[in-house]
Amino acid sequence: MAALLVFIVFLVGIAVSIPIASSMIVGALAPILLADSGGSIPQLINNTFSGANSTPILAVPLFILGGVIMSEGGISKRLFNFFAYFMGHFPGGIPCTVIVTCLFYGAISGSGPATTAAVGSMTIPFMVALGYDRQWSAGVVAVAGGLGVVIPPSIPFVLYSLATGVSTGNLFLAGVLPGILIGVFLMIWAVIYCVRKGEDKQKIHAKMDELKAMGLGRLFIDSFPALLCPLIILGGIYTGMFTPTEAACISVFYAILVSLFVYRSIKVKDLIPMLASSVKTYGGLAFVLAFATAFGRVLSLTRATKVIEDFIVTNFSTAWSALTVLVIIFLLLGMVMDTGPAIVILAPVLLPAVQALGVDEVHFGVILVCCLSIGLATPPFGLDLFVAGNLSEEPPMSVAKKAVPFMIAFVLALFLITYVEPVSLVLVDLFGA
C-alpha cells in the first residue's frame, strides 16, 4: 500500500503540472505522513542533502559548461570542414558530414541540445544554401543531435551512474559502438534520400572546391585542436589517468584555452554569460538529482522496487519480452519527459527487475539512454526539435514531419542494440574496469 501511494502521488503531481522535483518530494512525503512508513522527515532531508553532496555529480555542470564554451568557440565549424573535405563530393555526403559532425561533437559536449545548437547553427544555413530543403535539413540535425547523449562522454550516462552506482567508465565504453551504429543508420537513410530526390551537384562541388583549395595540411592544422579534444577526454578516462569528473573539469579548461588563445573566437568577458547559461541549464536538474536520492530511499523503504521486480519477473518469462515492452514505454516517456529526470527516476526502480531476468546493468543503461535520446527529437516536447526549429525558423512540427524517416532509422538501430547485447558490451569486456 505504501509503495503504491508513492507512485500515485508522484504521478498525480506530474499530471497536474507540478514540477518533477516537487512531485518527487511530495511523493516521498506521502507514505511518511499518511501511512507511517518510508522513514522520517529528518531522514528525507538528510538523503536530499547527501544526494547533492557528491563529487561525481560535479561532472554534469562541468560538461554542460564545456559544451557551451565549445559551441560559442566555433569548434563545430572546424569539425564540419574537416569531415566535409573527405565526404562532401559523395552522394549524400553533405548530410552525412552533418551526422558525423554531430557524432564527433557529442564526444565533446555530452549533451543533445548542445550538439544540436552548435552543429545546427552552422550547418542548417549551409545546407539550405546548397539547395537542401530547410525543414529536412533541420530534421537531420534534430535527430543526429541525439547522438550527443549516446556517444561518450555523455551526461545521461553520468546520471545513470549516479542513480545506480554502475561504473561511469564502463558506460562510456558501452556507448561508443551504439553511437556509431546509430550514426551509420542515419547516414544510410540520408544517402537514400539524396539519391532519390537529387542534389544540386553544381553548388556542392563549388563549395567543396573552395574547401579543397585550403589544402589538407592547412585544414588539418585548423581542425586539430577540435579533433584533439575528445581524444584527450576519453583517452584520459579509458587509460585511468583521470576520473570522468576530472575529465569534465579538463574539458572546460581545454575549451577555454582553445577558444580564447587558439581560435580567438571568444573573449574573457564572454565567459560570464556562458557561466550564467550553464547555471540556468543545470539549476532545475540539480534539484531533481538531489531529490532523487531521497525519493529512491523512500522507494527502497516501502519495498516499491521489490514490488516492480516481482511484477516484471512474474509477467515476463524472458529478457527479450521484458525489454521490448520497456523500450516501447521508454520511447513514449521520452516524448513527454526530459532525459535527465527520466533516468534518475526510472533507472533505480527498473534495474533490479531486469537484472533478475539476466540483463546486464551496463547494457540496460545503454538501452535506456538510447530510447530517451530519440525523445529529444520527438514531439510534443523534444528539446532538440525546438532548437533545430528555432535555428531554421521553421515550426517544430514541420521539422518533425521531415525527421520521421530519421527517427525510424534510429529506432531500427535501437532494436539491434537492444537484442544484440555485444554491441554494448564488447568494448566493456575488452577494456572495462
Protein backbone atom coordinates (compact mmCIF):
# COMPACT_ATOMS: atom_id res chain seq x y z
CA MET A 1 0.00 0.00 0.00
CA ALA A 2 2.77 2.46 0.92
CA ALA A 3 4.65 1.67 -2.31
CA LEU A 4 1.53 2.28 -4.38
CA LEU A 5 0.91 5.54 -2.54
CA VAL A 6 4.34 6.88 -3.56
CA PHE A 7 3.67 6.31 -7.25
CA ILE A 8 0.08 7.56 -7.18
CA VAL A 9 1.00 10.86 -5.53
CA PHE A 10 4.04 11.28 -7.79
CA LEU A 11 2.07 10.61 -11.00
CA VAL A 12 -0.81 12.87 -9.92
CA GLY A 13 1.71 15.63 -9.29
CA ILE A 14 3.14 15.21 -12.79
CA ALA A 15 -0.37 15.11 -14.29
CA VAL A 16 -1.36 18.46 -12.72
CA SER A 17 1.89 20.08 -13.95
CA ILE A 18 3.73 20.20 -10.62
CA PRO A 19 7.49 20.33 -11.38
CA ILE A 20 9.15 16.92 -11.37
CA ALA A 21 11.43 17.70 -8.42
CA SER A 22 8.48 18.90 -6.33
CA SER A 23 6.40 15.87 -7.35
CA MET A 24 9.22 13.60 -6.18
CA ILE A 25 9.32 15.26 -2.75
CA VAL A 26 5.52 15.17 -2.38
CA GLY A 27 5.53 11.52 -3.41
CA ALA A 28 8.29 10.75 -0.92
CA LEU A 29 6.40 12.57 1.87
CA ALA A 30 3.11 10.76 1.21
CA PRO A 31 3.94 7.40 2.88
CA ILE A 32 5.66 9.18 5.78
CA LEU A 33 2.67 11.43 6.54
CA LEU A 34 -0.21 9.15 5.51
CA ALA A 35 0.98 5.59 6.05
CA ASP A 36 3.63 5.97 8.77
CA SER A 37 6.27 4.27 6.61
CA GLY A 38 9.14 5.24 4.34
CA GLY A 39 11.31 6.63 7.14
CA SER A 40 11.01 10.08 8.71
CA ILE A 41 11.15 13.68 7.54
CA PRO A 42 14.64 14.27 9.05
CA GLN A 43 15.87 11.19 7.13
CA LEU A 44 14.29 12.58 3.96
CA ILE A 45 16.10 15.88 4.43
CA ASN A 46 19.43 14.15 5.10
CA ASN A 47 19.02 11.99 1.99
CA THR A 48 18.29 15.09 -0.11
CA PHE A 49 21.47 16.80 1.05
CA SER A 50 23.53 13.65 0.57
CA GLY A 51 22.20 13.43 -2.99
CA ALA A 52 23.56 16.89 -3.74
CA ASN A 53 26.81 16.41 -1.81
CA SER A 54 28.54 14.14 -4.32
CA THR A 55 31.82 14.53 -6.18
CA PRO A 56 30.70 12.58 -9.30
CA ILE A 57 27.73 14.91 -9.68
CA LEU A 58 30.14 17.75 -10.50
CA ALA A 59 30.73 16.16 -13.90
CA VAL A 60 27.25 17.19 -15.04
CA PRO A 61 27.52 21.02 -14.72
CA LEU A 62 31.13 20.92 -15.92
CA PHE A 63 30.27 19.03 -19.10
CA ILE A 64 27.39 21.47 -19.66
CA LEU A 65 29.75 24.45 -19.27
CA GLY A 66 32.35 22.88 -21.54
CA GLY A 67 29.71 22.29 -24.20
CA VAL A 68 28.51 25.90 -24.03
CA ILE A 69 32.05 27.28 -24.40
CA MET A 70 32.85 24.95 -27.31
CA SER A 71 29.59 25.87 -29.01
CA GLU A 72 30.42 29.57 -28.87
CA GLY A 73 34.06 28.91 -29.71
CA GLY A 74 33.37 27.71 -33.25
CA ILE A 75 34.71 24.21 -32.72
CA SER A 76 31.78 22.60 -34.58
CA LYS A 77 32.65 24.59 -37.73
CA ARG A 78 36.22 23.23 -37.76
CA LEU A 79 34.95 19.68 -37.31
CA PHE A 80 32.45 20.06 -40.15
CA ASN A 81 35.03 21.47 -42.56
CA PHE A 82 37.44 18.64 -41.81
CA PHE A 83 34.89 15.87 -42.41
CA ALA A 84 33.37 17.64 -45.43
CA TYR A 85 36.79 17.64 -47.08
CA PHE A 86 36.62 13.84 -47.30
CA MET A 87 32.87 13.21 -47.66
CA GLY A 88 31.36 16.23 -49.39
CA HIS A 89 31.69 15.07 -53.01
CA PHE A 90 29.88 11.74 -52.49
CA PRO A 91 26.08 11.34 -52.93
CA GLY A 92 24.50 12.44 -49.68
CA GLY A 93 27.94 13.50 -48.49
CA ILE A 94 26.87 16.84 -47.00
CA PRO A 95 24.10 15.49 -44.72
CA CYS A 96 26.37 12.56 -43.83
CA THR A 97 29.03 15.10 -42.85
CA VAL A 98 26.46 16.80 -40.60
CA ILE A 99 25.71 13.47 -38.90
CA VAL A 100 29.41 12.65 -38.41
CA THR A 101 29.98 16.14 -37.02
CA CYS A 102 27.15 15.60 -34.51
CA LEU A 103 28.67 12.25 -33.62
CA PHE A 104 32.10 13.75 -33.05
CA TYR A 105 30.81 16.89 -31.33
CA GLY A 106 28.81 14.67 -28.98
CA ALA A 107 32.16 13.28 -27.86
CA ILE A 108 32.97 16.82 -26.72
CA SER A 109 29.74 18.23 -25.27
CA GLY A 110 27.94 15.17 -23.82
CA SER A 111 24.61 16.92 -24.46
CA GLY A 112 21.96 16.53 -27.16
CA PRO A 113 20.66 20.13 -27.17
CA ALA A 114 24.23 21.49 -27.08
CA THR A 115 25.18 19.31 -30.07
CA THR A 116 22.06 20.36 -31.98
CA ALA A 117 22.66 24.04 -31.29
CA ALA A 118 26.38 24.04 -32.03
CA VAL A 119 26.21 21.99 -35.21
CA GLY A 120 22.83 23.24 -36.43
CA SER A 121 23.62 26.95 -36.15
CA MET A 122 26.31 26.48 -38.77
CA THR A 123 25.15 23.53 -40.91
CA ILE A 124 21.45 24.31 -41.42
CA PRO A 125 22.10 27.61 -43.28
CA PHE A 126 24.97 25.90 -45.11
CA MET A 127 22.74 23.05 -46.32
CA VAL A 128 19.94 25.42 -47.33
CA ALA A 129 22.43 27.47 -49.38
CA LEU A 130 23.38 24.26 -51.20
CA GLY A 131 19.75 23.60 -52.19
CA TYR A 132 18.60 21.19 -49.49
CA ASP A 133 15.09 21.60 -48.11
CA ARG A 134 15.15 23.80 -44.99
CA GLN A 135 12.81 21.62 -42.91
CA TRP A 136 14.62 18.44 -43.94
CA SER A 137 17.98 19.99 -43.06
CA ALA A 138 16.66 20.91 -39.62
CA GLY A 139 15.29 17.37 -39.23
CA VAL A 140 18.73 15.89 -39.93
CA VAL A 141 20.31 17.98 -37.18
CA ALA A 142 17.44 17.44 -34.71
CA VAL A 143 17.73 13.65 -34.84
CA ALA A 144 21.51 13.48 -35.21
CA GLY A 145 21.83 15.83 -32.23
CA GLY A 146 20.55 12.96 -30.10
CA LEU A 147 23.89 11.26 -30.68
CA GLY A 148 25.30 13.81 -28.24
CA VAL A 149 23.81 11.85 -25.32
CA VAL A 150 24.78 8.38 -26.63
CA ILE A 151 28.41 8.86 -27.65
CA PRO A 152 30.68 9.40 -24.61
CA PRO A 153 31.27 11.48 -22.61
CA SER A 154 27.51 11.53 -22.06
CA ILE A 155 25.72 13.48 -19.34
CA PRO A 156 22.85 10.93 -19.22
CA PHE A 157 25.38 8.14 -18.66
CA VAL A 158 26.78 10.13 -15.73
CA LEU A 159 23.24 10.48 -14.35
CA TYR A 160 22.58 6.75 -14.78
CA SER A 161 25.82 6.04 -12.94
CA LEU A 162 24.83 8.36 -10.10
CA ALA A 163 21.37 6.76 -9.85
CA THR A 164 22.53 3.14 -9.92
CA GLY A 165 26.20 3.01 -8.92
CA VAL A 166 27.23 1.47 -12.25
CA SER A 167 30.75 2.40 -13.40
CA THR A 168 30.73 5.61 -15.44
CA GLY A 169 33.83 4.48 -17.34
CA ASN A 170 32.13 1.23 -18.39
CA LEU A 171 29.04 3.15 -19.51
CA PHE A 172 31.22 5.46 -21.61
CA LEU A 173 32.87 2.45 -23.23
CA ALA A 174 29.48 0.85 -23.85
CA GLY A 175 28.16 3.94 -25.65
CA VAL A 176 30.84 4.05 -28.37
CA LEU A 177 29.64 1.32 -30.74
CA PRO A 178 25.89 2.02 -30.29
CA GLY A 179 26.52 5.69 -31.07
CA ILE A 180 28.46 4.81 -34.22
CA LEU A 181 25.81 2.26 -35.25
CA ILE A 182 23.01 4.80 -34.92
CA GLY A 183 25.06 7.30 -36.92
CA VAL A 184 25.54 4.71 -39.70
CA PHE A 185 21.79 4.02 -39.87
CA LEU A 186 21.07 7.76 -40.10
CA MET A 187 23.64 8.17 -42.87
CA ILE A 188 22.17 5.25 -44.85
CA TRP A 189 18.80 6.99 -44.95
CA ALA A 190 20.41 10.35 -45.79
CA VAL A 191 22.14 8.78 -48.81
CA ILE A 192 18.94 7.03 -49.94
CA TYR A 193 17.01 10.30 -49.68
CA CYS A 194 19.60 12.29 -51.60
CA VAL A 195 19.87 9.70 -54.36
CA ARG A 196 16.08 9.58 -54.75
CA LYS A 197 15.42 13.33 -54.50
CA GLY A 198 18.62 14.52 -56.14
CA GLU A 199 21.09 17.22 -55.09
CA ASP A 200 22.40 20.43 -56.61
CA LYS A 201 25.76 18.96 -57.58
CA GLN A 202 27.00 22.21 -59.11
CA LYS A 203 26.64 24.16 -55.87
CA ILE A 204 28.03 21.31 -53.78
CA HIS A 205 31.10 20.84 -55.97
CA ALA A 206 31.73 24.59 -55.99
CA LYS A 207 31.70 24.70 -52.17
CA MET A 208 33.84 21.60 -51.89
CA ASP A 209 36.35 23.02 -54.35
CA GLU A 210 36.67 26.09 -52.11
CA LEU A 211 37.38 23.78 -49.20
CA LYS A 212 39.86 21.72 -51.20
CA ALA A 213 41.67 24.93 -52.13
CA MET A 214 42.66 25.32 -48.47
CA GLY A 215 44.70 22.15 -48.74
CA LEU A 216 44.53 19.18 -46.41
CA GLY A 217 47.54 20.31 -44.37
CA ARG A 218 46.14 23.75 -43.59
CA LEU A 219 42.69 22.31 -42.91
CA PHE A 220 44.11 19.68 -40.57
CA ILE A 221 46.11 22.25 -38.62
CA ASP A 222 43.00 24.42 -38.26
CA SER A 223 40.87 21.47 -37.14
CA PHE A 224 43.46 19.70 -35.00
CA PRO A 225 42.60 21.38 -31.63
CA ALA A 226 38.92 20.48 -32.15
CA LEU A 227 39.78 16.89 -33.12
CA LEU A 228 42.11 16.54 -30.16
CA CYS A 229 39.52 17.41 -27.51
CA PRO A 230 37.59 14.09 -27.39
CA LEU A 231 40.87 12.18 -27.63
CA ILE A 232 42.15 13.93 -24.51
CA ILE A 233 38.89 13.48 -22.57
CA LEU A 234 38.13 9.88 -23.49
CA GLY A 235 41.75 8.78 -23.67
CA GLY A 236 42.37 10.07 -20.17
CA ILE A 237 39.31 8.27 -18.80
CA TYR A 238 39.98 4.95 -20.51
CA THR A 239 43.67 4.89 -19.60
CA GLY A 240 42.89 5.69 -15.97
CA MET A 241 44.77 9.00 -15.98
CA PHE A 242 41.74 10.79 -14.55
CA THR A 243 38.14 10.15 -13.49
CA PRO A 244 35.07 11.25 -15.50
CA THR A 245 34.60 14.16 -13.08
CA GLU A 246 38.20 15.28 -13.58
CA ALA A 247 37.74 14.82 -17.34
CA ALA A 248 34.77 17.19 -17.23
CA CYS A 249 36.94 19.80 -15.49
CA ILE A 250 39.70 19.32 -18.06
CA SER A 251 37.18 19.74 -20.89
CA VAL A 252 36.22 23.17 -19.53
CA PHE A 253 39.82 24.40 -19.30
CA TYR A 254 40.63 22.94 -22.72
CA ALA A 255 37.60 24.64 -24.26
CA ILE A 256 38.59 27.98 -22.71
CA LEU A 257 42.22 27.74 -23.86
CA VAL A 258 41.32 26.71 -27.43
CA SER A 259 38.54 29.27 -27.83
CA LEU A 260 40.49 32.16 -26.24
CA PHE A 261 44.02 31.65 -27.50
CA VAL A 262 43.94 29.28 -30.48
CA TYR A 263 40.79 30.20 -32.41
CA ARG A 264 40.34 33.55 -30.64
CA SER A 265 36.61 33.20 -31.17
CA ILE A 266 35.57 34.43 -27.72
CA LYS A 267 36.83 36.98 -25.21
CA VAL A 268 37.27 36.75 -21.45
CA LYS A 269 34.19 38.92 -20.88
CA ASP A 270 32.10 36.36 -22.80
CA LEU A 271 32.75 33.70 -20.15
CA ILE A 272 30.38 35.27 -17.59
CA PRO A 273 27.25 34.93 -19.80
CA MET A 274 28.33 31.36 -20.62
CA LEU A 275 28.58 30.56 -16.91
CA ALA A 276 25.14 32.06 -16.38
CA SER A 277 23.70 30.00 -19.24
CA SER A 278 25.21 26.81 -17.81
CA VAL A 279 23.81 27.52 -14.35
CA LYS A 280 20.33 28.05 -15.79
CA THR A 281 20.58 24.78 -17.68
CA TYR A 282 21.80 22.82 -14.67
CA GLY A 283 19.72 24.52 -11.97
CA GLY A 284 16.49 22.60 -12.47
CA LEU A 285 18.32 19.32 -12.98
CA ALA A 286 20.31 19.86 -9.78
CA PHE A 287 17.13 19.84 -7.71
CA VAL A 288 15.95 16.66 -9.43
CA LEU A 289 19.26 14.92 -8.72
CA ALA A 290 19.22 15.94 -5.06
CA PHE A 291 15.61 14.89 -4.50
CA ALA A 292 16.10 11.67 -6.50
CA THR A 293 18.28 10.24 -3.71
CA ALA A 294 15.57 10.89 -1.13
CA PHE A 295 12.89 9.56 -3.47
CA GLY A 296 14.89 6.41 -4.16
CA ARG A 297 15.45 5.85 -0.44
CA VAL A 298 11.71 6.03 0.24
CA LEU A 299 11.05 3.60 -2.61
CA SER A 300 13.53 1.22 -1.02
CA LEU A 301 11.98 1.50 2.46
CA THR A 302 8.47 0.94 1.11
CA ARG A 303 9.78 -2.02 -0.98
CA ALA A 304 8.45 -0.40 -4.15
CA THR A 305 11.40 -1.63 -6.21
CA LYS A 306 10.73 -5.18 -4.98
CA VAL A 307 7.09 -4.92 -5.99
CA ILE A 308 8.06 -3.81 -9.50
CA GLU A 309 10.72 -6.51 -9.74
CA ASP A 310 8.21 -9.20 -8.76
CA PHE A 311 5.65 -7.88 -11.25
CA ILE A 312 8.11 -7.89 -14.18
CA VAL A 313 9.64 -11.27 -13.34
CA THR A 314 6.18 -12.82 -12.89
CA ASN A 315 4.68 -11.46 -16.11
CA PHE A 316 7.69 -11.76 -18.44
CA SER A 317 9.46 -15.06 -18.83
CA THR A 318 12.36 -13.79 -20.95
CA ALA A 319 14.59 -10.74 -21.00
CA TRP A 320 13.66 -10.14 -24.66
CA SER A 321 9.95 -9.77 -23.94
CA ALA A 322 10.54 -7.51 -20.94
CA LEU A 323 12.98 -5.29 -22.85
CA THR A 324 10.57 -4.99 -25.79
CA VAL A 325 7.83 -3.65 -23.54
CA LEU A 326 10.23 -1.39 -21.64
CA VAL A 327 11.69 0.03 -24.86
CA ILE A 328 8.19 0.98 -26.04
CA ILE A 329 7.47 2.59 -22.66
CA PHE A 330 10.78 4.47 -22.72
CA LEU A 331 10.10 5.75 -26.23
CA LEU A 332 6.70 7.07 -25.14
CA LEU A 333 8.11 8.61 -21.96
CA GLY A 334 10.86 10.28 -23.99
CA MET A 335 8.16 12.24 -25.81
CA VAL A 336 6.94 13.92 -22.63
CA MET A 337 9.84 13.77 -20.13
CA ASP A 338 13.30 15.28 -20.20
CA THR A 339 16.17 12.80 -20.37
CA GLY A 340 17.79 13.62 -17.01
CA PRO A 341 14.73 13.32 -14.73
CA ALA A 342 13.54 10.21 -16.59
CA ILE A 343 16.85 8.45 -15.96
CA VAL A 344 17.19 9.28 -12.27
CA ILE A 345 13.58 8.18 -11.66
CA LEU A 346 13.39 5.05 -13.81
CA ALA A 347 16.88 3.55 -13.56
CA PRO A 348 16.99 2.61 -9.84
CA VAL A 349 13.41 1.33 -9.95
CA LEU A 350 13.69 -0.90 -13.02
CA LEU A 351 17.31 -2.07 -12.89
CA PRO A 352 16.78 -4.75 -10.18
CA ALA A 353 13.89 -6.20 -12.19
CA VAL A 354 15.76 -6.53 -15.49
CA GLN A 355 18.84 -7.83 -13.69
CA ALA A 356 16.66 -10.60 -12.26
CA LEU A 357 15.94 -11.61 -15.87
CA GLY A 358 19.64 -11.64 -16.71
CA VAL A 359 20.04 -8.24 -18.37
CA ASP A 360 23.45 -6.63 -17.81
CA GLU A 361 23.33 -3.37 -15.86
CA VAL A 362 25.55 -1.55 -18.37
CA HIS A 363 23.56 -2.84 -21.34
CA PHE A 364 20.31 -1.68 -19.72
CA GLY A 365 21.81 1.78 -19.24
CA VAL A 366 22.67 2.00 -22.93
CA ILE A 367 19.14 0.94 -23.91
CA LEU A 368 17.56 3.49 -21.57
CA VAL A 369 19.75 6.36 -22.80
CA CYS A 370 19.26 5.46 -26.49
CA CYS A 371 15.47 5.35 -26.06
CA LEU A 372 15.32 8.69 -24.30
CA SER A 373 17.71 10.28 -26.81
CA ILE A 374 15.11 9.67 -29.54
CA GLY A 375 12.67 11.59 -27.37
CA LEU A 376 14.84 14.68 -27.80
CA ALA A 377 13.65 14.86 -31.41
CA THR A 378 10.04 13.71 -30.99
CA PRO A 379 7.02 15.93 -30.39
CA PRO A 380 5.44 17.32 -28.34
CA PHE A 381 8.38 18.22 -26.06
CA GLY A 382 11.51 17.16 -27.95
CA LEU A 383 14.11 19.77 -26.96
CA ASP A 384 16.36 19.13 -29.97
CA LEU A 385 13.33 19.56 -32.19
CA PHE A 386 12.65 23.03 -30.80
CA VAL A 387 16.32 24.01 -31.02
CA ALA A 388 16.52 22.93 -34.68
CA GLY A 389 13.17 24.61 -35.41
CA ASN A 390 14.38 27.91 -33.96
CA LEU A 391 17.65 27.73 -35.88
CA SER A 392 15.85 27.04 -39.17
CA GLU A 393 13.00 29.46 -38.41
CA GLU A 394 10.53 26.66 -39.11
CA PRO A 395 7.69 25.31 -36.92
CA PRO A 396 8.92 22.37 -34.82
CA MET A 397 6.07 20.15 -36.01
CA SER A 398 7.02 20.78 -39.65
CA VAL A 399 10.58 19.81 -38.85
CA ALA A 400 9.31 16.71 -37.02
CA LYS A 401 7.43 15.51 -40.12
CA LYS A 402 10.58 15.63 -42.22
CA ALA A 403 12.54 13.97 -39.42
CA VAL A 404 10.26 10.90 -39.17
CA PRO A 405 12.36 8.68 -41.53
CA PHE A 406 15.48 9.51 -39.50
CA MET A 407 13.60 8.58 -36.31
CA ILE A 408 12.65 5.25 -37.90
CA ALA A 409 16.30 4.63 -38.79
CA PHE A 410 17.23 5.49 -35.19
CA VAL A 411 14.63 3.03 -33.85
CA LEU A 412 15.88 0.24 -36.15
CA ALA A 413 19.38 0.74 -34.77
CA LEU A 414 17.93 0.84 -31.25
CA PHE A 415 16.31 -2.60 -31.59
CA LEU A 416 19.55 -4.02 -32.94
CA ILE A 417 21.37 -2.57 -29.92
CA THR A 418 18.68 -3.93 -27.56
CA TYR A 419 18.68 -7.51 -28.80
CA VAL A 420 22.37 -7.88 -29.69
CA GLU A 421 24.00 -7.34 -26.31
CA PRO A 422 27.64 -7.46 -27.54
CA VAL A 423 27.09 -4.19 -29.42
CA SER A 424 27.08 -2.52 -26.00
CA LEU A 425 29.38 -4.82 -24.07
CA VAL A 426 32.21 -5.87 -26.38
CA LEU A 427 34.39 -2.86 -25.53
CA VAL A 428 33.49 -3.16 -21.84
CA ASP A 429 34.58 -6.81 -21.86
CA LEU A 430 37.85 -5.88 -23.55
CA PHE A 431 38.79 -2.68 -21.73
CA GLY A 432 36.34 -2.17 -18.87
CA ALA A 433 37.13 -1.98 -15.18
